[in-house]
Amino acid sequence: MENTINITIIDRQGNSETYEAPTDMNMNLMDLCKALELPVKGECGGMAMCATCQVYIDSKHDLPEQSDAELDMLDQAFYVEDNSRLGCQIHINKSLNGLMVRLAPESE
């Protein structure tokens, strides 16, 4: 489809699956994971006020610079790696075609 891209998501058990993601619905990566019923909580609803949608970016994509709110939240999160991002801050668009992410472990 013209308004979709492919995003590969690796779950917490190491299973990888590629999904079609719409580019015309103003979704972010957290929204996509929740729509796919993946175990991403997104407790704050996408406001960068929790880290329950943390993912690791495993592909070389030019992502938007992290906001101060995202950096502050990741500074307080568990299991943070150099490639950690909050899924709610990654808005799905055509430039993300082929993106590969891993779900971070749950902090509980």
C-alpha atoms as a PDB file:
ATOM      1  CA  MET A   1       0.000   0.000   0.000  1.00  0.00           C
ATOM      2  CA  GLU A   2       1.069   3.545  -0.705  1.00  0.00           C
ATOM      3  CA  ASN A   3       0.558   4.854   2.833  1.00  0.00           C
ATOM      4  CA  THR A   4       2.318   2.060   4.723  1.00  0.00           C
ATOM      5  CA  ILE A   5       5.880   1.189   5.632  1.00  0.00           C
ATOM      6  CA  ASN A   6       7.466  -1.940   7.080  1.00  0.00           C
ATOM      7  CA  ILE A   7       8.732  -1.936  10.668  1.00  0.00           C
ATOM      8  CA  THR A   8      10.384  -4.958  12.265  1.00  0.00           C
ATOM      9  CA  ILE A   9       9.756  -5.414  15.976  1.00  0.00           C
ATOM     10  CA  ILE A  10      11.705  -7.880  18.108  1.00  0.00           C
ATOM     11  CA  ASP A  11       9.759  -8.907  21.208  1.00  0.00           C
ATOM     12  CA  ARG A  12      11.182  -9.598  24.655  1.00  0.00           C
ATOM     13  CA  GLN A  13      11.658 -13.284  23.817  1.00  0.00           C
ATOM     14  CA  GLY A  14      13.769 -12.447  20.752  1.00  0.00           C
ATOM     15  CA  ASN A  15      11.066 -13.203  18.189  1.00  0.00           C
ATOM     16  CA  SER A  16      11.154 -10.901  15.177  1.00  0.00           C
ATOM     17  CA  GLU A  17       8.194  -9.953  13.026  1.00  0.00           C
ATOM     18  CA  THR A  18       7.757  -7.342  10.314  1.00  0.00           C
ATOM     19  CA  TYR A  19       4.543  -5.326  10.380  1.00  0.00           C
ATOM     20  CA  GLU A  20       2.931  -2.865   8.008  1.00  0.00           C
ATOM     21  CA  ALA A  21       2.556   0.519   9.665  1.00  0.00           C
ATOM     22  CA  PRO A  22       0.324   3.318   8.354  1.00  0.00           C
ATOM     23  CA  THR A  23       2.009   6.647   7.601  1.00  0.00           C
ATOM     24  CA  ASP A  24      -1.240   8.581   7.244  1.00  0.00           C
ATOM     25  CA  MET A  25      -2.780   8.091  10.716  1.00  0.00           C
ATOM     26  CA  ASN A  26      -0.502  10.275  12.884  1.00  0.00           C
ATOM     27  CA  MET A  27       0.626   7.211  14.855  1.00  0.00           C
ATOM     28  CA  ASN A  28       3.805   6.788  16.835  1.00  0.00           C
ATOM     29  CA  LEU A  29       5.688   3.576  17.537  1.00  0.00           C
ATOM     30  CA  MET A  30       3.981   3.155  20.931  1.00  0.00           C
ATOM     31  CA  ASP A  31       0.546   3.423  19.255  1.00  0.00           C
ATOM     32  CA  LEU A  32       1.561   0.815  16.697  1.00  0.00           C
ATOM     33  CA  CYS A  33       2.771  -1.618  19.371  1.00  0.00           C
ATOM     34  CA  LYS A  34      -0.434  -1.203  21.339  1.00  0.00           C
ATOM     35  CA  ALA A  35      -2.566  -1.671  18.199  1.00  0.00           C
ATOM     36  CA  LEU A  36      -0.645  -4.887  17.504  1.00  0.00           C
ATOM     37  CA  GLU A  37      -1.307  -5.965  21.109  1.00  0.00           C
ATOM     38  CA  LEU A  38       2.398  -6.153  21.905  1.00  0.00           C
ATOM     39  CA  PRO A  39       3.296  -5.843  25.608  1.00  0.00           C
ATOM     40  CA  VAL A  40       3.951  -2.092  25.616  1.00  0.00           C
ATOM     41  CA  LYS A  41       2.127  -0.250  28.368  1.00  0.00           C
ATOM     42  CA  GLY A  42       2.420   3.406  27.366  1.00  0.00           C
ATOM     43  CA  GLU A  43       1.018   4.391  30.758  1.00  0.00           C
ATOM     44  CA  CYS A  44       1.290   8.152  30.205  1.00  0.00           C
ATOM     45  CA  GLY A  45      -0.507   7.994  26.859  1.00  0.00           C
ATOM     46  CA  GLY A  46       2.450   9.218  24.821  1.00  0.00           C
ATOM     47  CA  MET A  47       3.427  12.302  26.796  1.00  0.00           C
ATOM     48  CA  ALA A  48       7.073  11.210  27.438  1.00  0.00           C
ATOM     49  CA  MET A  49       6.266  11.062  31.152  1.00  0.00           C
ATOM     50  CA  CYS A  50       7.027   7.382  31.718  1.00  0.00           C
ATOM     51  CA  ALA A  51       9.337   4.894  30.055  1.00  0.00           C
ATOM     52  CA  THR A  52       6.908   2.012  29.602  1.00  0.00           C
ATOM     53  CA  CYS A  53       7.234   2.281  25.807  1.00  0.00           C
ATOM     54  CA  GLN A  54      11.042   2.190  25.713  1.00  0.00           C
ATOM     55  CA  VAL A  55      12.550   0.487  22.674  1.00  0.00           C
ATOM     56  CA  TYR A  56      16.040  -0.047  21.310  1.00  0.00           C
ATOM     57  CA  ILE A  57      16.644   1.181  17.767  1.00  0.00           C
ATOM     58  CA  ASP A  58      18.536  -1.606  15.973  1.00  0.00           C
ATOM     59  CA  SER A  59      18.712  -0.069  12.501  1.00  0.00           C
ATOM     60  CA  LYS A  60      20.488   2.945  11.060  1.00  0.00           C
ATOM     61  CA  HIS A  61      17.682   5.463  10.568  1.00  0.00           C
ATOM     62  CA  ASP A  62      17.850   9.206  10.831  1.00  0.00           C
ATOM     63  CA  LEU A  63      15.512   9.825  13.759  1.00  0.00           C
ATOM     64  CA  PRO A  64      14.404  13.192  15.129  1.00  0.00           C
ATOM     65  CA  GLU A  65      16.578  14.567  17.897  1.00  0.00           C
ATOM     66  CA  GLN A  66      15.473  13.585  21.386  1.00  0.00           C
ATOM     67  CA  SER A  67      13.535  16.230  23.297  1.00  0.00           C
ATOM     68  CA  ASP A  68      14.569  17.296  26.781  1.00  0.00           C
ATOM     69  CA  ALA A  69      11.489  15.478  28.142  1.00  0.00           C
ATOM     70  CA  GLU A  70      12.522  12.218  26.454  1.00  0.00           C
ATOM     71  CA  LEU A  71      16.120  12.530  27.657  1.00  0.00           C
ATOM     72  CA  ASP A  72      14.954  13.274  31.196  1.00  0.00           C
ATOM     73  CA  MET A  73      12.654  10.262  31.205  1.00  0.00           C
ATOM     74  CA  LEU A  74      15.321   7.922  29.859  1.00  0.00           C
ATOM     75  CA  ASP A  75      17.699   9.263  32.501  1.00  0.00           C
ATOM     76  CA  GLN A  76      15.320   7.793  35.116  1.00  0.00           C
ATOM     77  CA  ALA A  77      14.431   4.584  33.267  1.00  0.00           C
ATOM     78  CA  PHE A  78      15.735   1.059  33.751  1.00  0.00           C
ATOM     79  CA  TYR A  79      17.655  -0.935  31.117  1.00  0.00           C
ATOM     80  CA  VAL A  80      18.673   2.159  29.136  1.00  0.00           C
ATOM     81  CA  GLU A  81      21.162   1.585  26.315  1.00  0.00           C
ATOM     82  CA  ASP A  82      22.832   3.994  23.892  1.00  0.00           C
ATOM     83  CA  ASN A  83      20.109   3.257  21.320  1.00  0.00           C
ATOM     84  CA  SER A  84      17.158   3.657  23.722  1.00  0.00           C
ATOM     85  CA  ARG A  85      14.209   5.752  22.642  1.00  0.00           C
ATOM     86  CA  LEU A  86      10.665   6.229  23.847  1.00  0.00           C
ATOM     87  CA  GLY A  87       8.311   4.706  21.295  1.00  0.00           C
ATOM     88  CA  CYS A  88       5.815   7.518  21.842  1.00  0.00           C
ATOM     89  CA  GLN A  89       8.382   9.986  20.497  1.00  0.00           C
ATOM     90  CA  ILE A  90       8.995   8.109  17.224  1.00  0.00           C
ATOM     91  CA  HIS A  91       6.302   9.255  14.809  1.00  0.00           C
ATOM     92  CA  ILE A  92       5.672   6.886  11.925  1.00  0.00           C
ATOM     93  CA  ASN A  93       6.510   8.383   8.551  1.00  0.00           C
ATOM     94  CA  LYS A  94       7.879   7.188   5.214  1.00  0.00           C
ATOM     95  CA  SER A  95      11.509   7.817   6.235  1.00  0.00           C
ATOM     96  CA  LEU A  96      11.199   5.003   8.805  1.00  0.00           C
ATOM     97  CA  ASN A  97      10.593   2.261   6.237  1.00  0.00           C
ATOM     98  CA  GLY A  98      12.669  -0.750   7.300  1.00  0.00           C
ATOM     99  CA  LEU A  99      13.045   0.430  10.907  1.00  0.00           C
ATOM    100  CA  MET A 100      14.050  -2.347  13.316  1.00  0.00           C
ATOM    101  CA  VAL A 101      13.379  -2.029  17.051  1.00  0.00           C
ATOM    102  CA  ARG A 102      13.577  -4.271  20.115  1.00  0.00           C
ATOM    103  CA  LEU A 103      11.204  -3.939  23.040  1.00  0.00           C
ATOM    104  CA  ALA A 104      13.055  -3.024  26.228  1.00  0.00           C
ATOM    105  CA  PRO A 105      12.542  -5.270  29.253  1.00  0.00           C
ATOM    106  CA  GLU A 106       9.754  -4.290  31.611  1.00  0.00           C
ATOM    107  CA  SER A 107      10.984  -2.461  34.686  1.00  0.00           C
ATOM    108  CA  GLU A 108       8.645  -4.358  37.052  1.00  0.00           C
END
